[in-house]
Amino acid sequence: MDSELMHSIVGSYHKPPERVFVPSFTQNEPSQNCHPANLEVTSPKILHSPNSQALILALKTLQEKIHRLELERTQAEDNLNILSREAAQYKKALENETNERNLAHQELIKQKKDISIQLSSAQSRCTLLEKQLEYTKRMVLNVEREKNMILEQQAQLQREKEQDQMKLYAKLEKLDVLEKECFRLTTTQKTAEDK
């Protein structure tokens, strides 16, 4: 391939070709995001050159590669957008789950605190009840001791009463004997006086 042909078709970044031959097949194969240039044929020499078929085939292959790369780029962009959305959804779901976990943790801490307060209150009440029970036991023992003392005193009083009654009966018997003796003496004295 001569340099004139290379320059007129391929060109370079710094020196693009001024006019490039566009084969007819490009009109039948539109590519995404490709804007075909309005190109013209510079000389009939290119069409009749021996390398024109290879050149056309190379251009067609290059166009297919560009088309395939554009499709892959579009697919990659779509995949990137899908991944970005999924990542955002995953991040949101993770944040929601973290928030729910934090709320559950805070609720658990609150419940533990409430249970701890209730337990402390129950322990205080239990201690108070134990003291009250101990006090009640002492009171019952004191009452039982007092009751036993009262019963002993009553028994003592009963014994003393019985002894007093026995002494009274003994005195009454003596008094009865004395009265009888006095009556007998009086009768004897009267009899003696009458004689």
N, C-alpha and C. Protein backbone atom coordinates (compact mmCIF):
# COMPACT_ATOMS: atom_id res chain seq x y z
N MET A 1 0.85 -1.17 0.00
CA MET A 1 0.00 0.00 0.00
C MET A 1 0.90 1.23 0.00
N ASP A 2 0.64 2.16 -0.92
CA ASP A 2 1.50 3.34 -0.98
C ASP A 2 1.09 4.36 0.05
N SER A 3 1.98 5.31 0.32
CA SER A 3 1.75 6.28 1.39
C SER A 3 0.61 7.22 1.04
N GLU A 4 0.40 7.49 -0.26
CA GLU A 4 -0.71 8.37 -0.64
C GLU A 4 -2.03 7.72 -0.27
N LEU A 5 -2.12 6.40 -0.57
CA LEU A 5 -3.35 5.66 -0.25
C LEU A 5 -3.54 5.58 1.26
N MET A 6 -2.50 5.30 2.00
CA MET A 6 -2.58 5.21 3.45
C MET A 6 -3.04 6.52 4.03
N HIS A 7 -2.48 7.64 3.54
CA HIS A 7 -2.83 8.94 4.09
C HIS A 7 -4.28 9.29 3.76
N SER A 8 -4.70 8.95 2.58
CA SER A 8 -6.03 9.35 2.17
C SER A 8 -7.12 8.54 2.87
N ILE A 9 -6.82 7.33 3.30
CA ILE A 9 -7.86 6.50 3.91
C ILE A 9 -7.73 6.43 5.42
N VAL A 10 -6.56 6.11 5.96
CA VAL A 10 -6.39 5.88 7.39
C VAL A 10 -6.17 7.19 8.12
N GLY A 11 -5.24 8.00 7.73
CA GLY A 11 -4.95 9.25 8.39
C GLY A 11 -4.34 9.00 9.75
N SER A 12 -4.25 10.03 10.53
CA SER A 12 -3.74 9.91 11.89
C SER A 12 -4.47 10.88 12.77
N TYR A 13 -4.13 10.83 14.07
CA TYR A 13 -4.78 11.72 15.03
C TYR A 13 -4.43 13.18 14.74
N HIS A 14 -3.15 13.44 14.48
CA HIS A 14 -2.71 14.81 14.22
C HIS A 14 -3.02 15.26 12.79
N LYS A 15 -3.07 14.32 11.85
CA LYS A 15 -3.30 14.65 10.46
C LYS A 15 -4.38 13.75 9.92
N PRO A 16 -5.70 14.04 10.18
CA PRO A 16 -6.75 13.16 9.71
C PRO A 16 -6.88 13.21 8.20
N PRO A 17 -7.43 12.15 7.59
CA PRO A 17 -7.58 12.17 6.13
C PRO A 17 -8.61 13.21 5.72
N GLU A 18 -8.36 13.82 4.60
CA GLU A 18 -9.28 14.86 4.16
C GLU A 18 -10.53 14.25 3.56
N ARG A 19 -10.34 13.21 2.82
CA ARG A 19 -11.50 12.57 2.20
C ARG A 19 -11.30 11.06 2.25
N VAL A 20 -12.31 10.36 2.69
CA VAL A 20 -12.21 8.91 2.83
C VAL A 20 -13.35 8.28 2.05
N PHE A 21 -13.04 7.16 1.43
CA PHE A 21 -14.06 6.44 0.70
C PHE A 21 -14.91 5.63 1.69
N VAL A 22 -16.23 5.77 1.55
CA VAL A 22 -17.15 5.03 2.43
C VAL A 22 -17.86 4.01 1.58
N PRO A 23 -17.64 2.72 1.85
CA PRO A 23 -18.31 1.69 1.05
C PRO A 23 -19.81 1.73 1.25
N SER A 24 -20.53 1.12 0.32
CA SER A 24 -22.00 1.16 0.36
C SER A 24 -22.58 0.36 1.52
N PHE A 25 -21.85 -0.64 2.05
CA PHE A 25 -22.40 -1.47 3.14
C PHE A 25 -22.60 -0.70 4.43
N THR A 26 -21.93 0.42 4.59
CA THR A 26 -22.09 1.18 5.84
C THR A 26 -23.46 1.81 5.92
N GLN A 27 -24.10 2.04 4.79
CA GLN A 27 -25.41 2.64 4.84
C GLN A 27 -26.45 1.65 5.32
N ASN A 28 -26.20 0.36 5.14
CA ASN A 28 -27.15 -0.67 5.57
C ASN A 28 -26.95 -1.10 7.01
N GLU A 29 -25.85 -0.74 7.67
CA GLU A 29 -25.55 -1.18 9.04
C GLU A 29 -25.36 0.03 9.94
N PRO A 30 -26.45 0.58 10.47
CA PRO A 30 -26.27 1.73 11.38
C PRO A 30 -25.71 1.25 12.70
N SER A 31 -24.85 2.01 13.32
CA SER A 31 -24.27 1.65 14.62
C SER A 31 -24.74 2.64 15.67
N GLN A 32 -24.87 2.17 16.91
CA GLN A 32 -25.28 3.03 18.00
C GLN A 32 -24.17 4.02 18.30
N ASN A 33 -24.59 5.24 18.58
CA ASN A 33 -23.67 6.32 18.97
C ASN A 33 -22.58 6.58 17.91
N CYS A 34 -22.81 6.13 16.66
CA CYS A 34 -21.84 6.42 15.60
C CYS A 34 -22.49 7.41 14.66
N HIS A 35 -21.80 8.47 14.35
CA HIS A 35 -22.32 9.47 13.42
C HIS A 35 -21.46 9.40 12.17
N PRO A 36 -21.97 8.79 11.09
CA PRO A 36 -21.13 8.66 9.90
C PRO A 36 -20.84 10.04 9.31
N ALA A 37 -19.61 10.20 8.90
CA ALA A 37 -19.21 11.49 8.32
C ALA A 37 -19.67 11.54 6.87
N ASN A 38 -19.84 12.71 6.38
CA ASN A 38 -20.20 12.88 4.97
C ASN A 38 -18.90 12.83 4.16
N LEU A 39 -18.60 11.61 3.68
CA LEU A 39 -17.31 11.39 3.04
C LEU A 39 -17.50 11.25 1.53
N GLU A 40 -16.48 11.59 0.82
CA GLU A 40 -16.55 11.54 -0.65
C GLU A 40 -15.40 10.71 -1.19
N VAL A 41 -15.52 10.33 -2.41
CA VAL A 41 -14.47 9.58 -3.09
C VAL A 41 -13.52 10.60 -3.71
N THR A 42 -12.23 10.44 -3.42
CA THR A 42 -11.26 11.41 -3.93
C THR A 42 -10.78 11.07 -5.32
N SER A 43 -10.57 9.76 -5.55
CA SER A 43 -10.08 9.43 -6.89
C SER A 43 -10.54 8.04 -7.26
N PRO A 44 -10.77 7.79 -8.50
CA PRO A 44 -11.18 6.45 -8.93
C PRO A 44 -10.06 5.46 -8.81
N LYS A 45 -8.86 5.94 -8.50
CA LYS A 45 -7.71 5.06 -8.36
C LYS A 45 -7.91 4.08 -7.21
N ILE A 46 -8.61 4.52 -6.15
CA ILE A 46 -8.79 3.67 -4.97
C ILE A 46 -9.68 2.50 -5.31
N LEU A 47 -10.72 2.74 -6.10
CA LEU A 47 -11.65 1.66 -6.43
C LEU A 47 -10.98 0.59 -7.28
N HIS A 48 -10.08 0.99 -8.12
CA HIS A 48 -9.45 0.02 -9.03
C HIS A 48 -8.12 -0.46 -8.51
N SER A 49 -7.75 -0.07 -7.31
CA SER A 49 -6.46 -0.51 -6.81
C SER A 49 -6.55 -1.99 -6.45
N PRO A 50 -5.43 -2.72 -6.52
CA PRO A 50 -5.47 -4.16 -6.22
C PRO A 50 -5.77 -4.44 -4.75
N ASN A 51 -5.50 -3.50 -3.85
CA ASN A 51 -5.72 -3.72 -2.41
C ASN A 51 -7.06 -3.18 -1.93
N SER A 52 -7.90 -2.75 -2.86
CA SER A 52 -9.16 -2.11 -2.45
C SER A 52 -10.08 -3.10 -1.74
N GLN A 53 -10.14 -4.34 -2.17
CA GLN A 53 -11.00 -5.33 -1.50
C GLN A 53 -10.51 -5.60 -0.08
N ALA A 54 -9.19 -5.73 0.09
CA ALA A 54 -8.62 -5.94 1.43
C ALA A 54 -8.88 -4.72 2.29
N LEU A 55 -8.78 -3.55 1.69
CA LEU A 55 -9.02 -2.32 2.44
C LEU A 55 -10.48 -2.23 2.87
N ILE A 56 -11.36 -2.53 1.92
CA ILE A 56 -12.79 -2.50 2.25
C ILE A 56 -13.10 -3.51 3.34
N LEU A 57 -12.52 -4.71 3.25
CA LEU A 57 -12.72 -5.75 4.27
C LEU A 57 -12.18 -5.30 5.62
N ALA A 58 -10.99 -4.65 5.60
CA ALA A 58 -10.40 -4.15 6.86
C ALA A 58 -11.28 -3.07 7.45
N LEU A 59 -11.82 -2.18 6.60
CA LEU A 59 -12.72 -1.13 7.10
C LEU A 59 -14.00 -1.74 7.66
N LYS A 60 -14.51 -2.73 6.99
CA LYS A 60 -15.74 -3.39 7.47
C LYS A 60 -15.48 -4.07 8.81
N THR A 61 -14.35 -4.75 8.91
CA THR A 61 -14.00 -5.42 10.18
C THR A 61 -13.84 -4.40 11.29
N LEU A 62 -13.17 -3.29 10.93
CA LEU A 62 -12.97 -2.23 11.92
C LEU A 62 -14.31 -1.64 12.34
N GLN A 63 -15.22 -1.45 11.38
CA GLN A 63 -16.53 -0.90 11.69
C GLN A 63 -17.31 -1.87 12.60
N GLU A 64 -17.21 -3.16 12.31
CA GLU A 64 -17.89 -4.16 13.15
C GLU A 64 -17.32 -4.16 14.57
N LYS A 65 -15.99 -4.03 14.65
CA LYS A 65 -15.35 -3.97 15.98
C LYS A 65 -15.84 -2.74 16.74
N ILE A 66 -15.87 -1.60 16.02
CA ILE A 66 -16.34 -0.36 16.67
C ILE A 66 -17.79 -0.53 17.13
N HIS A 67 -18.61 -1.11 16.24
CA HIS A 67 -20.02 -1.34 16.58
C HIS A 67 -20.14 -2.26 17.81
N ARG A 68 -19.35 -3.37 17.81
CA ARG A 68 -19.35 -4.31 18.93
C ARG A 68 -18.87 -3.64 20.22
N LEU A 69 -17.81 -2.81 20.07
CA LEU A 69 -17.30 -2.09 21.26
C LEU A 69 -18.33 -1.09 21.77
N GLU A 70 -19.04 -0.43 20.87
CA GLU A 70 -20.09 0.50 21.30
C GLU A 70 -21.19 -0.25 22.06
N LEU A 71 -21.57 -1.43 21.50
CA LEU A 71 -22.58 -2.25 22.19
C LEU A 71 -22.09 -2.69 23.56
N GLU A 72 -20.82 -3.13 23.61
CA GLU A 72 -20.25 -3.56 24.89
C GLU A 72 -20.18 -2.39 25.87
N ARG A 73 -19.80 -1.20 25.33
CA ARG A 73 -19.74 -0.03 26.21
C ARG A 73 -21.13 0.32 26.75
N THR A 74 -22.13 0.26 25.86
CA THR A 74 -23.51 0.54 26.30
C THR A 74 -23.96 -0.49 27.34
N GLN A 75 -23.64 -1.78 27.05
CA GLN A 75 -24.00 -2.83 28.01
C GLN A 75 -23.27 -2.63 29.33
N ALA A 76 -21.99 -2.25 29.24
CA ALA A 76 -21.21 -2.01 30.47
C ALA A 76 -21.80 -0.83 31.24
N GLU A 77 -22.21 0.23 30.52
CA GLU A 77 -22.83 1.36 31.20
C GLU A 77 -24.14 0.94 31.87
N ASP A 78 -24.95 0.14 31.12
CA ASP A 78 -26.20 -0.36 31.71
C ASP A 78 -25.92 -1.20 32.95
N ASN A 79 -24.91 -2.09 32.83
CA ASN A 79 -24.55 -2.93 33.98
C ASN A 79 -24.07 -2.07 35.15
N LEU A 80 -23.28 -1.03 34.80
CA LEU A 80 -22.79 -0.14 35.85
C LEU A 80 -23.95 0.58 36.54
N ASN A 81 -24.92 1.04 35.73
CA ASN A 81 -26.09 1.70 36.31
C ASN A 81 -26.89 0.74 37.20
N ILE A 82 -27.05 -0.50 36.69
CA ILE A 82 -27.78 -1.52 37.49
C ILE A 82 -27.04 -1.80 38.78
N LEU A 83 -25.70 -1.96 38.65
CA LEU A 83 -24.91 -2.22 39.86
C LEU A 83 -24.96 -1.04 40.83
N SER A 84 -24.97 0.18 40.27
CA SER A 84 -25.05 1.36 41.13
C SER A 84 -26.37 1.39 41.87
N ARG A 85 -27.47 1.09 41.13
CA ARG A 85 -28.79 1.06 41.78
C ARG A 85 -28.84 -0.04 42.83
N GLU A 86 -28.32 -1.23 42.46
CA GLU A 86 -28.33 -2.34 43.42
C GLU A 86 -27.48 -2.01 44.64
N ALA A 87 -26.32 -1.36 44.39
CA ALA A 87 -25.46 -0.98 45.52
C ALA A 87 -26.17 0.03 46.41
N ALA A 88 -26.88 0.99 45.77
CA ALA A 88 -27.62 1.98 46.56
C ALA A 88 -28.74 1.30 47.35
N GLN A 89 -29.44 0.35 46.70
CA GLN A 89 -30.50 -0.38 47.40
C GLN A 89 -29.92 -1.22 48.54
N TYR A 90 -28.78 -1.87 48.25
CA TYR A 90 -28.15 -2.68 49.29
C TYR A 90 -27.70 -1.81 50.45
N LYS A 91 -27.12 -0.62 50.10
CA LYS A 91 -26.68 0.30 51.15
C LYS A 91 -27.86 0.77 51.98
N LYS A 92 -28.98 1.09 51.29
CA LYS A 92 -30.18 1.54 52.00
C LYS A 92 -30.71 0.41 52.89
N ALA A 93 -30.76 -0.81 52.32
CA ALA A 93 -31.24 -1.96 53.11
C ALA A 93 -30.32 -2.20 54.30
N LEU A 94 -29.01 -2.07 54.07
CA LEU A 94 -28.05 -2.26 55.16
C LEU A 94 -28.23 -1.19 56.23
N GLU A 95 -28.45 0.06 55.78
CA GLU A 95 -28.69 1.14 56.75
C GLU A 95 -29.97 0.89 57.54
N ASN A 96 -31.03 0.45 56.81
CA ASN A 96 -32.29 0.13 57.50
C ASN A 96 -32.10 -0.99 58.51
N GLU A 97 -31.37 -2.02 58.06
CA GLU A 97 -31.12 -3.15 58.98
C GLU A 97 -30.30 -2.70 60.18
N THR A 98 -29.29 -1.84 59.91
CA THR A 98 -28.47 -1.32 61.01
C THR A 98 -29.31 -0.49 61.97
N ASN A 99 -30.19 0.36 61.39
CA ASN A 99 -31.07 1.17 62.23
C ASN A 99 -32.00 0.29 63.05
N GLU A 100 -32.58 -0.74 62.39
CA GLU A 100 -33.48 -1.65 63.13
C GLU A 100 -32.70 -2.37 64.23
N ARG A 101 -31.47 -2.79 63.90
CA ARG A 101 -30.66 -3.48 64.90
C ARG A 101 -30.33 -2.55 66.07
N ASN A 102 -30.01 -1.28 65.73
CA ASN A 102 -29.73 -0.30 66.79
C ASN A 102 -30.96 -0.06 67.65
N LEU A 103 -32.13 0.07 66.98
CA LEU A 103 -33.38 0.27 67.73
C LEU A 103 -33.66 -0.92 68.62
N ALA A 104 -33.46 -2.14 68.06
CA ALA A 104 -33.69 -3.35 68.86
C ALA A 104 -32.72 -3.40 70.03
N HIS A 105 -31.45 -2.99 69.77
CA HIS A 105 -30.45 -2.99 70.84
C HIS A 105 -30.83 -1.99 71.93
N GLN A 106 -31.28 -0.80 71.49
CA GLN A 106 -31.70 0.21 72.47
C GLN A 106 -32.91 -0.26 73.26
N GLU A 107 -33.85 -0.93 72.55
CA GLU A 107 -35.04 -1.46 73.24
C GLU A 107 -34.63 -2.53 74.25
N LEU A 108 -33.67 -3.37 73.84
CA LEU A 108 -33.18 -4.41 74.75
C LEU A 108 -32.51 -3.79 75.97
N ILE A 109 -31.70 -2.75 75.75
CA ILE A 109 -31.05 -2.06 76.87
C ILE A 109 -32.10 -1.45 77.79
N LYS A 110 -33.15 -0.84 77.17
CA LYS A 110 -34.22 -0.24 77.98
C LYS A 110 -34.93 -1.31 78.79
N GLN A 111 -35.24 -2.45 78.13
CA GLN A 111 -35.90 -3.55 78.85
C GLN A 111 -35.03 -4.07 79.98
N LYS A 112 -33.72 -4.20 79.72
CA LYS A 112 -32.80 -4.66 80.78
C LYS A 112 -32.81 -3.68 81.94
N LYS A 113 -32.79 -2.37 81.59
CA LYS A 113 -32.79 -1.35 82.63
C LYS A 113 -34.08 -1.43 83.44
N ASP A 114 -35.23 -1.56 82.73
CA ASP A 114 -36.52 -1.67 83.42
C ASP A 114 -36.55 -2.90 84.32
N ILE A 115 -36.06 -4.03 83.78
CA ILE A 115 -36.05 -5.27 84.57
C ILE A 115 -35.13 -5.12 85.77
N SER A 116 -33.98 -4.44 85.56
CA SER A 116 -33.05 -4.22 86.67
C SER A 116 -33.70 -3.37 87.75
N ILE A 117 -34.43 -2.32 87.32
CA ILE A 117 -35.13 -1.47 88.30
C ILE A 117 -36.19 -2.28 89.03
N GLN A 118 -36.96 -3.08 88.28
CA GLN A 118 -38.00 -3.91 88.91
C GLN A 118 -37.38 -4.93 89.87
N LEU A 119 -36.25 -5.51 89.45
CA LEU A 119 -35.58 -6.49 90.31
C LEU A 119 -35.08 -5.82 91.58
N SER A 120 -34.49 -4.62 91.45
CA SER A 120 -34.01 -3.89 92.61
C SER A 120 -35.17 -3.55 93.55
N SER A 121 -36.28 -3.12 92.96
CA SER A 121 -37.47 -2.80 93.77
C SER A 121 -37.99 -4.05 94.47
N ALA A 122 -38.01 -5.18 93.73
CA ALA A 122 -38.49 -6.43 94.32
C ALA A 122 -37.56 -6.89 95.46
N GLN A 123 -36.24 -6.70 95.26
CA GLN A 123 -35.29 -7.08 96.31
C GLN A 123 -35.49 -6.20 97.55
N SER A 124 -35.74 -4.90 97.32
CA SER A 124 -35.98 -4.00 98.46
C SER A 124 -37.24 -4.42 99.21
N ARG A 125 -38.30 -4.73 98.43
CA ARG A 125 -39.55 -5.17 99.07
C ARG A 125 -39.34 -6.49 99.81
N CYS A 126 -38.56 -7.37 99.20
CA CYS A 126 -38.29 -8.67 99.83
C CYS A 126 -37.53 -8.47 101.14
N THR A 127 -36.52 -7.58 101.12
CA THR A 127 -35.77 -7.28 102.35
C THR A 127 -36.69 -6.70 103.42
N LEU A 128 -37.56 -5.78 103.00
CA LEU A 128 -38.52 -5.18 103.94
C LEU A 128 -39.46 -6.24 104.50
N LEU A 129 -39.94 -7.12 103.63
CA LEU A 129 -40.85 -8.18 104.09
C LEU A 129 -40.13 -9.14 105.05
N GLU A 130 -38.85 -9.43 104.75
CA GLU A 130 -38.09 -10.29 105.65
C GLU A 130 -37.95 -9.64 107.03
N LYS A 131 -37.68 -8.33 107.05
CA LYS A 131 -37.58 -7.62 108.33
C LYS A 131 -38.92 -7.63 109.06
N GLN A 132 -40.01 -7.39 108.28
CA GLN A 132 -41.34 -7.41 108.90
C GLN A 132 -41.66 -8.81 109.45
N LEU A 133 -41.27 -9.84 108.70
CA LEU A 133 -41.52 -11.21 109.16
C LEU A 133 -40.73 -11.49 110.43
N GLU A 134 -39.47 -11.06 110.45
CA GLU A 134 -38.64 -11.25 111.64
C GLU A 134 -39.25 -10.52 112.84
N TYR A 135 -39.71 -9.29 112.59
CA TYR A 135 -40.34 -8.51 113.66
C TYR A 135 -41.61 -9.22 114.15
N THR A 136 -42.41 -9.73 113.18
CA THR A 136 -43.64 -10.45 113.55
C THR A 136 -43.32 -11.70 114.36
N LYS A 137 -42.26 -12.42 113.95
CA LYS A 137 -41.86 -13.61 114.72
C LYS A 137 -41.50 -13.24 116.15
N ARG A 138 -40.72 -12.15 116.29
CA ARG A 138 -40.35 -11.71 117.65
C ARG A 138 -41.58 -11.34 118.45
N MET A 139 -42.51 -10.63 117.79
CA MET A 139 -43.75 -10.24 118.47
C MET A 139 -44.54 -11.47 118.90
N VAL A 140 -44.61 -12.47 118.01
CA VAL A 140 -45.35 -13.70 118.34
C VAL A 140 -44.68 -14.40 119.52
N LEU A 141 -43.35 -14.47 119.51
CA LEU A 141 -42.63 -15.09 120.63
C LEU A 141 -42.89 -14.32 121.93
N ASN A 142 -42.85 -12.99 121.84
CA ASN A 142 -43.12 -12.18 123.04
C ASN A 142 -44.54 -12.41 123.54
N VAL A 143 -45.47 -12.44 122.60
CA VAL A 143 -46.87 -12.68 123.01
C VAL A 143 -47.01 -14.06 123.63
N GLU A 144 -46.36 -15.06 123.02
CA GLU A 144 -46.44 -16.41 123.59
C GLU A 144 -45.82 -16.45 125.00
N ARG A 145 -44.67 -15.75 125.16
CA ARG A 145 -44.06 -15.69 126.50
C ARG A 145 -44.99 -15.01 127.50
N GLU A 146 -45.57 -13.89 127.06
CA GLU A 146 -46.50 -13.18 127.95
C GLU A 146 -47.71 -14.06 128.27
N LYS A 147 -48.18 -14.76 127.25
CA LYS A 147 -49.32 -15.66 127.46
C LYS A 147 -48.97 -16.75 128.47
N ASN A 148 -47.78 -17.34 128.28
CA ASN A 148 -47.35 -18.37 129.23
C ASN A 148 -47.21 -17.80 130.65
N MET A 149 -46.65 -16.56 130.72
CA MET A 149 -46.51 -15.93 132.04
C MET A 149 -47.89 -15.68 132.65
N ILE A 150 -48.83 -15.20 131.82
CA ILE A 150 -50.18 -14.95 132.33
C ILE A 150 -50.83 -16.25 132.78
N LEU A 151 -50.62 -17.31 131.96
CA LEU A 151 -51.19 -18.61 132.34
C LEU A 151 -50.59 -19.10 133.65
N GLU A 152 -49.29 -18.91 133.78
CA GLU A 152 -48.64 -19.31 135.05
C GLU A 152 -49.18 -18.47 136.21
N GLN A 153 -49.35 -17.18 135.96
CA GLN A 153 -49.89 -16.33 137.02
C GLN A 153 -51.32 -16.76 137.38
N GLN A 154 -52.10 -17.07 136.34
CA GLN A 154 -53.48 -17.52 136.60
C GLN A 154 -53.47 -18.83 137.39
N ALA A 155 -52.55 -19.72 137.00
CA ALA A 155 -52.45 -20.98 137.72
C ALA A 155 -52.04 -20.73 139.17
N GLN A 156 -51.07 -19.81 139.33
CA GLN A 156 -50.63 -19.47 140.69
C GLN A 156 -51.78 -18.88 141.50
N LEU A 157 -52.51 -17.94 140.88
CA LEU A 157 -53.66 -17.33 141.55
C LEU A 157 -54.72 -18.38 141.88
N GLN A 158 -54.90 -19.31 140.93
CA GLN A 158 -55.88 -20.38 141.18
C GLN A 158 -55.44 -21.23 142.37
N ARG A 159 -54.15 -21.55 142.38
CA ARG A 159 -53.65 -22.33 143.52
C ARG A 159 -53.81 -21.56 144.83
N GLU A 160 -53.42 -20.27 144.77
CA GLU A 160 -53.57 -19.45 145.99
C GLU A 160 -55.04 -19.34 146.40
N LYS A 161 -55.92 -19.22 145.42
CA LYS A 161 -57.35 -19.14 145.71
C LYS A 161 -57.83 -20.43 146.36
N GLU A 162 -57.38 -21.54 145.77
CA GLU A 162 -57.77 -22.82 146.35
C GLU A 162 -57.24 -22.96 147.78
N GLN A 163 -55.97 -22.51 147.97
CA GLN A 163 -55.41 -22.57 149.33
C GLN A 163 -56.19 -21.66 150.28
N ASP A 164 -56.54 -20.45 149.77
CA ASP A 164 -57.32 -19.54 150.61
C ASP A 164 -58.68 -20.14 150.96
N GLN A 165 -59.29 -20.79 149.95
CA GLN A 165 -60.58 -21.42 150.22
C GLN A 165 -60.43 -22.55 151.25
N MET A 166 -59.35 -23.32 151.10
CA MET A 166 -59.13 -24.40 152.08
C MET A 166 -58.93 -23.82 153.49
N LYS A 167 -58.13 -22.72 153.56
CA LYS A 167 -57.92 -22.07 154.86
C LYS A 167 -59.25 -21.53 155.40
N LEU A 168 -60.04 -20.94 154.47
CA LEU A 168 -61.33 -20.41 154.90
C LEU A 168 -62.24 -21.52 155.41
N TYR A 169 -62.25 -22.63 154.68
CA TYR A 169 -63.06 -23.77 155.14
C TYR A 169 -62.58 -24.27 156.51
N ALA A 170 -61.24 -24.30 156.64
CA ALA A 170 -60.69 -24.75 157.93
C ALA A 170 -61.09 -23.79 159.03
N LYS A 171 -61.04 -22.48 158.77
CA LYS A 171 -61.44 -21.49 159.77
C LYS A 171 -62.94 -21.58 160.06
N LEU A 172 -63.71 -21.79 158.96
CA LEU A 172 -65.15 -21.92 159.18
C LEU A 172 -65.46 -23.15 160.04
N GLU A 173 -64.73 -24.23 159.77
CA GLU A 173 -64.93 -25.43 160.58
C GLU A 173 -64.55 -25.17 162.04
N LYS A 174 -63.43 -24.47 162.23
CA LYS A 174 -63.02 -24.12 163.60
C LYS A 174 -64.05 -23.22 164.25
N LEU A 175 -64.55 -22.25 163.47
CA LEU A 175 -65.57 -21.35 164.00
C LEU A 175 -66.83 -22.13 164.36
N ASP A 176 -67.18 -23.05 163.54
CA ASP A 176 -68.36 -23.88 163.83
C ASP A 176 -68.15 -24.70 165.10
N VAL A 177 -66.92 -25.24 165.20
CA VAL A 177 -66.59 -26.01 166.41
C VAL A 177 -66.65 -25.10 167.63
N LEU A 178 -66.08 -23.88 167.51
CA LEU A 178 -66.09 -22.93 168.61
C LEU A 178 -67.52 -22.51 168.97
N GLU A 179 -68.35 -22.28 167.95
CA GLU A 179 -69.73 -21.92 168.22
C GLU A 179 -70.44 -23.04 168.98
N LYS A 180 -70.20 -24.26 168.51
CA LYS A 180 -70.82 -25.41 169.19
C LYS A 180 -70.31 -25.50 170.63
N GLU A 181 -68.99 -25.28 170.76
CA GLU A 181 -68.40 -25.33 172.11
C GLU A 181 -68.96 -24.21 172.97
N CYS A 182 -69.11 -23.04 172.38
CA CYS A 182 -69.65 -21.89 173.11
C CYS A 182 -71.11 -22.16 173.50
N PHE A 183 -71.88 -22.70 172.55
CA PHE A 183 -73.26 -23.02 172.82
C PHE A 183 -73.36 -24.08 173.93
N ARG A 184 -72.48 -25.06 173.87
CA ARG A 184 -72.48 -26.09 174.91
C ARG A 184 -72.11 -25.48 176.28
N LEU A 185 -71.09 -24.61 176.24
CA LEU A 185 -70.69 -23.98 177.50
C LEU A 185 -71.81 -23.10 178.06
N THR A 186 -72.45 -22.39 177.16
CA THR A 186 -73.55 -21.53 177.57
C THR A 186 -74.67 -22.38 178.16
N THR A 187 -74.94 -23.45 177.55
CA THR A 187 -75.99 -24.34 178.04
C THR A 187 -75.58 -24.93 179.39
N THR A 188 -74.34 -25.29 179.49
CA THR A 188 -73.83 -25.85 180.73
C THR A 188 -73.88 -24.79 181.83
N GLN A 189 -73.52 -23.59 181.54
CA GLN A 189 -73.53 -22.51 182.51
C GLN A 189 -74.98 -22.22 182.96
N LYS A 190 -75.86 -22.22 181.99
CA LYS A 190 -77.26 -21.97 182.33
C LYS A 190 -77.81 -23.07 183.23
N THR A 191 -77.42 -24.26 182.93
CA THR A 191 -77.88 -25.40 183.71
C THR A 191 -77.30 -25.28 185.14
N ALA A 192 -76.07 -24.85 185.19
CA ALA A 192 -75.43 -24.70 186.47
C ALA A 192 -76.06 -23.57 187.25
N GLU A 193 -76.44 -22.57 186.61
CA GLU A 193 -77.05 -21.43 187.30
C GLU A 193 -78.46 -21.80 187.77
N ASP A 194 -79.11 -22.56 186.99
CA ASP A 194 -80.46 -22.96 187.36
C ASP A 194 -80.43 -23.89 188.57
N LYS A 195 -79.46 -24.59 188.81
CA LYS A 195 -79.36 -25.49 189.96
C LYS A 195 -79.02 -24.64 191.15
